[in-house]
Amino acid sequence: MNLVHYLTRKDEGSPHTALFWQMFYIDHAVVRLGNDKFIDLNKQDTIALYDLSRDKAESENLATAHSEKLHQLQEIREAWTS
C-alpha cells in the first residue's frame, strides 16, 4: 500500500486498523492499534502497553493496569503471526 497520501495528509484517517512490526533476529514484536502500543520483547521477558495519546515518551507501562487491552493486543499479534 502506498502511504504517501497519508503522510502528506492528502488522505485523512488511517490506512490500516492496526500496524505490526516483527523483528525476527531479536525476537521482538510491536502492535499499534489506535493510540495503544503493545511491545513484546520475548528474549528479555518484557511486555509493555502504552497509551500514546497521553504518553508519547512511552514512560508509563500500562500492561498491569489494563490487562484486558493487553490481552486484546496479544491476540491480534498472535493472529497476525500465525
PDB file of N, CA and C in Angstrom:
ATOM      1  N   MET A   1       0.835  -1.172   0.000  1.00  0.00           N
ATOM      2  CA  MET A   1       0.000   0.000   0.000  1.00  0.00           C
ATOM      3  C   MET A   1       0.884   1.240   0.000  1.00  0.00           C
ATOM      4  N   ASN A   2       0.523   2.203  -0.800  1.00  0.00           N
ATOM      5  CA  ASN A   2       1.255   3.453  -0.880  1.00  0.00           C
ATOM      6  C   ASN A   2       0.767   4.392   0.227  1.00  0.00           C
ATOM      7  N   LEU A   3       1.661   4.755   1.128  1.00  0.00           N
ATOM      8  CA  LEU A   3       1.306   5.590   2.269  1.00  0.00           C
ATOM      9  C   LEU A   3       1.576   7.070   2.052  1.00  0.00           C
ATOM     10  N   VAL A   4       2.080   7.451   0.886  1.00  0.00           N
ATOM     11  CA  VAL A   4       2.470   8.836   0.624  1.00  0.00           C
ATOM     12  C   VAL A   4       1.303   9.797   0.853  1.00  0.00           C
ATOM     13  N   HIS A   5       0.120   9.455   0.407  1.00  0.00           N
ATOM     14  CA  HIS A   5      -1.034  10.352   0.554  1.00  0.00           C
ATOM     15  C   HIS A   5      -1.412  10.543   2.015  1.00  0.00           C
ATOM     16  N   TYR A   6      -1.178   9.541   2.837  1.00  0.00           N
ATOM     17  CA  TYR A   6      -1.453   9.676   4.269  1.00  0.00           C
ATOM     18  C   TYR A   6      -0.369  10.504   4.956  1.00  0.00           C
ATOM     19  N   LEU A   7       0.869  10.313   4.539  1.00  0.00           N
ATOM     20  CA  LEU A   7       1.974  11.051   5.141  1.00  0.00           C
ATOM     21  C   LEU A   7       1.945  12.528   4.769  1.00  0.00           C
ATOM     22  N   THR A   8       1.460  12.827   3.580  1.00  0.00           N
ATOM     23  CA  THR A   8       1.370  14.225   3.146  1.00  0.00           C
ATOM     24  C   THR A   8       0.003  14.838   3.458  1.00  0.00           C
ATOM     25  N   ARG A   9      -0.845  14.073   4.130  1.00  0.00           N
ATOM     26  CA  ARG A   9      -2.183  14.497   4.582  1.00  0.00           C
ATOM     27  C   ARG A   9      -3.145  14.807   3.435  1.00  0.00           C
ATOM     28  N   LYS A  10      -2.894  14.235   2.259  1.00  0.00           N
ATOM     29  CA  LYS A  10      -3.861  14.368   1.169  1.00  0.00           C
ATOM     30  C   LYS A  10      -5.064  13.470   1.443  1.00  0.00           C
ATOM     31  N   ASP A  11      -4.836  12.354   2.142  1.00  0.00           N
ATOM     32  CA  ASP A  11      -5.915  11.470   2.579  1.00  0.00           C
ATOM     33  C   ASP A  11      -5.988  11.532   4.098  1.00  0.00           C
ATOM     34  N   GLU A  12      -7.201  11.663   4.623  1.00  0.00           N
ATOM     35  CA  GLU A  12      -7.398  11.708   6.068  1.00  0.00           C
ATOM     36  C   GLU A  12      -7.566  10.288   6.607  1.00  0.00           C
ATOM     37  N   GLY A  13      -7.472  10.165   7.898  1.00  0.00           N
ATOM     38  CA  GLY A  13      -7.695   8.867   8.527  1.00  0.00           C
ATOM     39  C   GLY A  13      -6.441   8.027   8.557  1.00  0.00           C
ATOM     40  N   SER A  14      -6.664   6.742   8.733  1.00  0.00           N
ATOM     41  CA  SER A  14      -5.563   5.794   8.843  1.00  0.00           C
ATOM     42  C   SER A  14      -5.698   4.739   7.746  1.00  0.00           C
ATOM     43  N   PRO A  15      -4.614   4.372   7.104  1.00  0.00           N
ATOM     44  CA  PRO A  15      -4.693   3.379   6.035  1.00  0.00           C
ATOM     45  C   PRO A  15      -4.917   1.956   6.551  1.00  0.00           C
ATOM     46  N   HIS A  16      -4.666   1.728   7.840  1.00  0.00           N
ATOM     47  CA  HIS A  16      -4.800   0.391   8.420  1.00  0.00           C
ATOM     48  C   HIS A  16      -5.470   0.479   9.785  1.00  0.00           C
ATOM     49  N   THR A  17      -6.132  -0.597  10.173  1.00  0.00           N
ATOM     50  CA  THR A  17      -6.697  -0.677  11.514  1.00  0.00           C
ATOM     51  C   THR A  17      -5.584  -0.821  12.540  1.00  0.00           C
ATOM     52  N   ALA A  18      -4.628  -1.691  12.251  1.00  0.00           N
ATOM     53  CA  ALA A  18      -3.502  -1.934  13.156  1.00  0.00           C
ATOM     54  C   ALA A  18      -2.212  -2.006  12.348  1.00  0.00           C
ATOM     55  N   LEU A  19      -1.116  -1.649  12.998  1.00  0.00           N
ATOM     56  CA  LEU A  19       0.204  -1.765  12.395  1.00  0.00           C
ATOM     57  C   LEU A  19       1.019  -2.770  13.187  1.00  0.00           C
ATOM     58  N   PHE A  20       1.864  -3.533  12.495  1.00  0.00           N
ATOM     59  CA  PHE A  20       2.657  -4.583  13.128  1.00  0.00           C
ATOM     60  C   PHE A  20       4.119  -4.436  12.744  1.00  0.00           C
ATOM     61  N   TRP A  21       4.980  -4.709  13.694  1.00  0.00           N
ATOM     62  CA  TRP A  21       6.417  -4.822  13.442  1.00  0.00           C
ATOM     63  C   TRP A  21       6.856  -6.139  14.050  1.00  0.00           C
ATOM     64  N   GLN A  22       7.622  -6.881  13.329  1.00  0.00           N
ATOM     65  CA  GLN A  22       8.199  -8.132  13.839  1.00  0.00           C
ATOM     66  C   GLN A  22       9.681  -8.104  13.514  1.00  0.00           C
ATOM     67  N   MET A  23      10.508  -8.171  14.535  1.00  0.00           N
ATOM     68  CA  MET A  23      11.959  -8.180  14.352  1.00  0.00           C
ATOM     69  C   MET A  23      12.458  -9.571  14.720  1.00  0.00           C
ATOM     70  N   PHE A  24      12.512 -10.441  13.717  1.00  0.00           N
ATOM     71  CA  PHE A  24      12.800 -11.848  13.959  1.00  0.00           C
ATOM     72  C   PHE A  24      14.193 -12.075  14.533  1.00  0.00           C
ATOM     73  N   TYR A  25      15.157 -11.306  14.099  1.00  0.00           N
ATOM     74  CA  TYR A  25      16.536 -11.534  14.519  1.00  0.00           C
ATOM     75  C   TYR A  25      16.754 -11.257  16.008  1.00  0.00           C
ATOM     76  N   ILE A  26      15.890 -10.463  16.629  1.00  0.00           N
ATOM     77  CA  ILE A  26      16.000 -10.236  18.075  1.00  0.00           C
ATOM     78  C   ILE A  26      14.732 -10.650  18.814  1.00  0.00           C
ATOM     79  N   ASP A  27      13.785 -11.264  18.103  1.00  0.00           N
ATOM     80  CA  ASP A  27      12.551 -11.796  18.676  1.00  0.00           C
ATOM     81  C   ASP A  27      11.731 -10.736  19.410  1.00  0.00           C
ATOM     82  N   HIS A  28      11.499  -9.600  18.749  1.00  0.00           N
ATOM     83  CA  HIS A  28      10.669  -8.531  19.282  1.00  0.00           C
ATOM     84  C   HIS A  28       9.465  -8.340  18.366  1.00  0.00           C
ATOM     85  N   ALA A  29       8.350  -7.894  18.963  1.00  0.00           N
ATOM     86  CA  ALA A  29       7.161  -7.595  18.173  1.00  0.00           C
ATOM     87  C   ALA A  29       6.467  -6.371  18.756  1.00  0.00           C
ATOM     88  N   VAL A  30       5.814  -5.607  17.865  1.00  0.00           N
ATOM     89  CA  VAL A  30       5.081  -4.415  18.272  1.00  0.00           C
ATOM     90  C   VAL A  30       3.752  -4.408  17.517  1.00  0.00           C
ATOM     91  N   VAL A  31       2.677  -4.048  18.234  1.00  0.00           N
ATOM     92  CA  VAL A  31       1.367  -3.851  17.621  1.00  0.00           C
ATOM     93  C   VAL A  31       0.909  -2.453  17.995  1.00  0.00           C
ATOM     94  N   ARG A  32       0.475  -1.692  16.998  1.00  0.00           N
ATOM     95  CA  ARG A  32      -0.091  -0.366  17.232  1.00  0.00           C
ATOM     96  C   ARG A  32      -1.533  -0.403  16.772  1.00  0.00           C
ATOM     97  N   LEU A  33      -2.450  -0.119  17.689  1.00  0.00           N
ATOM     98  CA  LEU A  33      -3.878  -0.086  17.401  1.00  0.00           C
ATOM     99  C   LEU A  33      -4.435   1.203  17.984  1.00  0.00           C
ATOM    100  N   GLY A  34      -4.780   2.146  17.104  1.00  0.00           N
ATOM    101  CA  GLY A  34      -5.225   3.454  17.590  1.00  0.00           C
ATOM    102  C   GLY A  34      -4.100   4.120  18.363  1.00  0.00           C
ATOM    103  N   ASN A  35      -4.396   4.533  19.587  1.00  0.00           N
ATOM    104  CA  ASN A  35      -3.386   5.159  20.438  1.00  0.00           C
ATOM    105  C   ASN A  35      -2.621   4.151  21.286  1.00  0.00           C
ATOM    106  N   ASP A  36      -3.009   2.893  21.221  1.00  0.00           N
ATOM    107  CA  ASP A  36      -2.376   1.863  22.048  1.00  0.00           C
ATOM    108  C   ASP A  36      -1.201   1.218  21.323  1.00  0.00           C
ATOM    109  N   LYS A  37      -0.132   1.014  22.059  1.00  0.00           N
ATOM    110  CA  LYS A  37       1.061   0.371  21.510  1.00  0.00           C
ATOM    111  C   LYS A  37       1.484  -0.751  22.448  1.00  0.00           C
ATOM    112  N   PHE A  38       1.531  -1.959  21.910  1.00  0.00           N
ATOM    113  CA  PHE A  38       1.927  -3.162  22.645  1.00  0.00           C
ATOM    114  C   PHE A  38       3.318  -3.569  22.179  1.00  0.00           C
ATOM    115  N   ILE A  39       4.206  -3.819  23.129  1.00  0.00           N
ATOM    116  CA  ILE A  39       5.571  -4.233  22.814  1.00  0.00           C
ATOM    117  C   ILE A  39       5.858  -5.542  23.537  1.00  0.00           C
ATOM    118  N   ASP A  40       6.381  -6.504  22.794  1.00  0.00           N
ATOM    119  CA  ASP A  40       6.752  -7.802  23.356  1.00  0.00           C
ATOM    120  C   ASP A  40       8.222  -8.061  23.043  1.00  0.00           C
ATOM    121  N   LEU A  41       9.052  -7.977  24.059  1.00  0.00           N
ATOM    122  CA  LEU A  41      10.484  -8.242  23.922  1.00  0.00           C
ATOM    123  C   LEU A  41      10.741  -9.629  24.490  1.00  0.00           C
ATOM    124  N   ASN A  42      10.482 -10.645  23.674  1.00  0.00           N
ATOM    125  CA  ASN A  42      10.492 -12.028  24.147  1.00  0.00           C
ATOM    126  C   ASN A  42      11.773 -12.441  24.858  1.00  0.00           C
ATOM    127  N   LYS A  43      12.907 -12.156  24.278  1.00  0.00           N
ATOM    128  CA  LYS A  43      14.165 -12.610  24.870  1.00  0.00           C
ATOM    129  C   LYS A  43      14.462 -11.918  26.196  1.00  0.00           C
ATOM    130  N   GLN A  44      13.855 -10.777  26.434  1.00  0.00           N
ATOM    131  CA  GLN A  44      14.064 -10.050  27.682  1.00  0.00           C
ATOM    132  C   GLN A  44      12.906 -10.259  28.657  1.00  0.00           C
ATOM    133  N   ASP A  45      11.930 -11.107  28.289  1.00  0.00           N
ATOM    134  CA  ASP A  45      10.734 -11.338  29.110  1.00  0.00           C
ATOM    135  C   ASP A  45      10.059 -10.029  29.517  1.00  0.00           C
ATOM    136  N   THR A  46       9.915  -9.126  28.562  1.00  0.00           N
ATOM    137  CA  THR A  46       9.321  -7.820  28.820  1.00  0.00           C
ATOM    138  C   THR A  46       8.116  -7.617  27.920  1.00  0.00           C
ATOM    139  N   ILE A  47       7.005  -7.228  28.534  1.00  0.00           N
ATOM    140  CA  ILE A  47       5.793  -6.864  27.800  1.00  0.00           C
ATOM    141  C   ILE A  47       5.387  -5.482  28.280  1.00  0.00           C
ATOM    142  N   ALA A  48       5.025  -4.619  27.334  1.00  0.00           N
ATOM    143  CA  ALA A  48       4.644  -3.256  27.697  1.00  0.00           C
ATOM    144  C   ALA A  48       3.428  -2.820  26.900  1.00  0.00           C
ATOM    145  N   LEU A  49       2.652  -1.931  27.497  1.00  0.00           N
ATOM    146  CA  LEU A  49       1.481  -1.340  26.865  1.00  0.00           C
ATOM    147  C   LEU A  49       1.517   0.152  27.156  1.00  0.00           C
ATOM    148  N   TYR A  50       1.379   0.957  26.105  1.00  0.00           N
ATOM    149  CA  TYR A  50       1.418   2.405  26.261  1.00  0.00           C
ATOM    150  C   TYR A  50       0.211   3.039  25.572  1.00  0.00           C
ATOM    151  N   ASP A  51      -0.284   4.125  26.144  1.00  0.00           N
ATOM    152  CA  ASP A  51      -1.309   4.950  25.527  1.00  0.00           C
ATOM    153  C   ASP A  51      -0.594   6.170  24.960  1.00  0.00           C
ATOM    154  N   LEU A  52      -0.356   6.159  23.660  1.00  0.00           N
ATOM    155  CA  LEU A  52       0.443   7.215  23.039  1.00  0.00           C
ATOM    156  C   LEU A  52      -0.259   8.567  22.987  1.00  0.00           C
ATOM    157  N   SER A  53      -1.564   8.594  23.229  1.00  0.00           N
ATOM    158  CA  SER A  53      -2.253   9.888  23.276  1.00  0.00           C
ATOM    159  C   SER A  53      -1.900  10.647  24.556  1.00  0.00           C
ATOM    160  N   ARG A  54      -1.501   9.920  25.600  1.00  0.00           N
ATOM    161  CA  ARG A  54      -1.147  10.548  26.875  1.00  0.00           C
ATOM    162  C   ARG A  54       0.332  10.417  27.218  1.00  0.00           C
ATOM    163  N   ASP A  55       1.035   9.512  26.542  1.00  0.00           N
ATOM    164  CA  ASP A  55       2.410   9.190  26.932  1.00  0.00           C
ATOM    165  C   ASP A  55       3.261   8.936  25.691  1.00  0.00           C
ATOM    166  N   LYS A  56       3.589   9.991  24.981  1.00  0.00           N
ATOM    167  CA  LYS A  56       4.375   9.852  23.747  1.00  0.00           C
ATOM    168  C   LYS A  56       5.793   9.345  24.012  1.00  0.00           C
ATOM    169  N   ALA A  57       6.309   9.565  25.217  1.00  0.00           N
ATOM    170  CA  ALA A  57       7.657   9.122  25.566  1.00  0.00           C
ATOM    171  C   ALA A  57       7.691   7.648  25.990  1.00  0.00           C
ATOM    172  N   GLU A  58       6.528   7.016  26.061  1.00  0.00           N
ATOM    173  CA  GLU A  58       6.432   5.607  26.463  1.00  0.00           C
ATOM    174  C   GLU A  58       7.135   5.377  27.802  1.00  0.00           C
ATOM    175  N   SER A  59       6.761   6.168  28.786  1.00  0.00           N
ATOM    176  CA  SER A  59       7.396   6.070  30.097  1.00  0.00           C
ATOM    177  C   SER A  59       6.521   5.377  31.134  1.00  0.00           C
ATOM    178  N   GLU A  60       5.204   5.248  30.872  1.00  0.00           N
ATOM    179  CA  GLU A  60       4.291   4.623  31.831  1.00  0.00           C
ATOM    180  C   GLU A  60       3.740   3.322  31.251  1.00  0.00           C
ATOM    181  N   ASN A  61       4.268   2.202  31.703  1.00  0.00           N
ATOM    182  CA  ASN A  61       3.831   0.890  31.228  1.00  0.00           C
ATOM    183  C   ASN A  61       2.479   0.556  31.862  1.00  0.00           C
ATOM    184  N   LEU A  62       1.450   0.419  31.030  1.00  0.00           N
ATOM    185  CA  LEU A  62       0.086   0.164  31.496  1.00  0.00           C
ATOM    186  C   LEU A  62      -0.303  -1.312  31.441  1.00  0.00           C
ATOM    187  N   ALA A  63       0.649  -2.193  31.192  1.00  0.00           N
ATOM    188  CA  ALA A  63       0.346  -3.617  30.993  1.00  0.00           C
ATOM    189  C   ALA A  63      -0.402  -4.225  32.177  1.00  0.00           C
ATOM    190  N   THR A  64       0.003  -3.925  33.379  1.00  0.00           N
ATOM    191  CA  THR A  64      -0.647  -4.493  34.560  1.00  0.00           C
ATOM    192  C   THR A  64      -2.002  -3.844  34.815  1.00  0.00           C
ATOM    193  N   ALA A  65      -2.074  -2.541  34.673  1.00  0.00           N
ATOM    194  CA  ALA A  65      -3.297  -1.801  34.970  1.00  0.00           C
ATOM    195  C   ALA A  65      -4.402  -2.021  33.937  1.00  0.00           C
ATOM    196  N   HIS A  66      -4.045  -2.360  32.701  1.00  0.00           N
ATOM    197  CA  HIS A  66      -5.031  -2.525  31.625  1.00  0.00           C
ATOM    198  C   HIS A  66      -4.877  -3.907  30.990  1.00  0.00           C
ATOM    199  N   SER A  67      -5.112  -4.934  31.781  1.00  0.00           N
ATOM    200  CA  SER A  67      -4.876  -6.306  31.316  1.00  0.00           C
ATOM    201  C   SER A  67      -5.808  -6.713  30.176  1.00  0.00           C
ATOM    202  N   GLU A  68      -7.044  -6.168  30.131  1.00  0.00           N
ATOM    203  CA  GLU A  68      -7.958  -6.523  29.035  1.00  0.00           C
ATOM    204  C   GLU A  68      -7.422  -6.008  27.695  1.00  0.00           C
ATOM    205  N   LYS A  69      -6.961  -4.762  27.688  1.00  0.00           N
ATOM    206  CA  LYS A  69      -6.404  -4.176  26.462  1.00  0.00           C
ATOM    207  C   LYS A  69      -5.128  -4.919  26.056  1.00  0.00           C
ATOM    208  N   LEU A  70      -4.308  -5.270  27.039  1.00  0.00           N
ATOM    209  CA  LEU A  70      -3.085  -6.031  26.777  1.00  0.00           C
ATOM    210  C   LEU A  70      -3.429  -7.363  26.128  1.00  0.00           C
ATOM    211  N   HIS A  71      -4.412  -8.058  26.683  1.00  0.00           N
ATOM    212  CA  HIS A  71      -4.818  -9.355  26.130  1.00  0.00           C
ATOM    213  C   HIS A  71      -5.344  -9.200  24.703  1.00  0.00           C
ATOM    214  N   GLN A  72      -6.126  -8.153  24.445  1.00  0.00           N
ATOM    215  CA  GLN A  72      -6.656  -7.905  23.099  1.00  0.00           C
ATOM    216  C   GLN A  72      -5.515  -7.731  22.094  1.00  0.00           C
ATOM    217  N   LEU A  73      -4.512  -6.944  22.447  1.00  0.00           N
ATOM    218  CA  LEU A  73      -3.402  -6.705  21.531  1.00  0.00           C
ATOM    219  C   LEU A  73      -2.522  -7.941  21.371  1.00  0.00           C
ATOM    220  N   GLN A  74      -2.393  -8.737  22.421  1.00  0.00           N
ATOM    221  CA  GLN A  74      -1.662 -10.001  22.301  1.00  0.00           C
ATOM    222  C   GLN A  74      -2.368 -10.940  21.326  1.00  0.00           C
ATOM    223  N   GLU A  75      -3.700 -10.997  21.406  1.00  0.00           N
ATOM    224  CA  GLU A  75      -4.460 -11.846  20.474  1.00  0.00           C
ATOM    225  C   GLU A  75      -4.326 -11.351  19.037  1.00  0.00           C
ATOM    226  N   ILE A  76      -4.350 -10.050  18.832  1.00  0.00           N
ATOM    227  CA  ILE A  76      -4.171  -9.502  17.486  1.00  0.00           C
ATOM    228  C   ILE A  76      -2.797  -9.879  16.941  1.00  0.00           C
ATOM    229  N   ARG A  77      -1.785  -9.757  17.787  1.00  0.00           N
ATOM    230  CA  ARG A  77      -0.430 -10.129  17.362  1.00  0.00           C
ATOM    231  C   ARG A  77      -0.345 -11.613  17.006  1.00  0.00           C
ATOM    232  N   GLU A  78      -0.920 -12.471  17.827  1.00  0.00           N
ATOM    233  CA  GLU A  78      -0.874 -13.907  17.557  1.00  0.00           C
ATOM    234  C   GLU A  78      -1.628 -14.264  16.285  1.00  0.00           C
ATOM    235  N   ALA A  79      -2.747 -13.605  16.041  1.00  0.00           N
ATOM    236  CA  ALA A  79      -3.497 -13.861  14.803  1.00  0.00           C
ATOM    237  C   ALA A  79      -2.681 -13.422  13.589  1.00  0.00           C
ATOM    238  N   TRP A  80      -1.976 -12.322  13.721  1.00  0.00           N
ATOM    239  CA  TRP A  80      -1.177 -11.807  12.620  1.00  0.00           C
ATOM    240  C   TRP A  80       0.014 -12.705  12.325  1.00  0.00           C
ATOM    241  N   THR A  81       0.650 -13.270  13.344  1.00  0.00           N
ATOM    242  CA  THR A  81       1.848 -14.080  13.146  1.00  0.00           C
ATOM    243  C   THR A  81       1.556 -15.533  12.826  1.00  0.00           C
ATOM    244  N   SER A  82       0.314 -15.972  12.978  1.00  0.00           N
ATOM    245  CA  SER A  82       0.009 -17.386  12.701  1.00  0.00           C
ATOM    246  C   SER A  82      -0.354 -17.634  11.257  1.00  0.00           C
TER     247      SER A  82
END
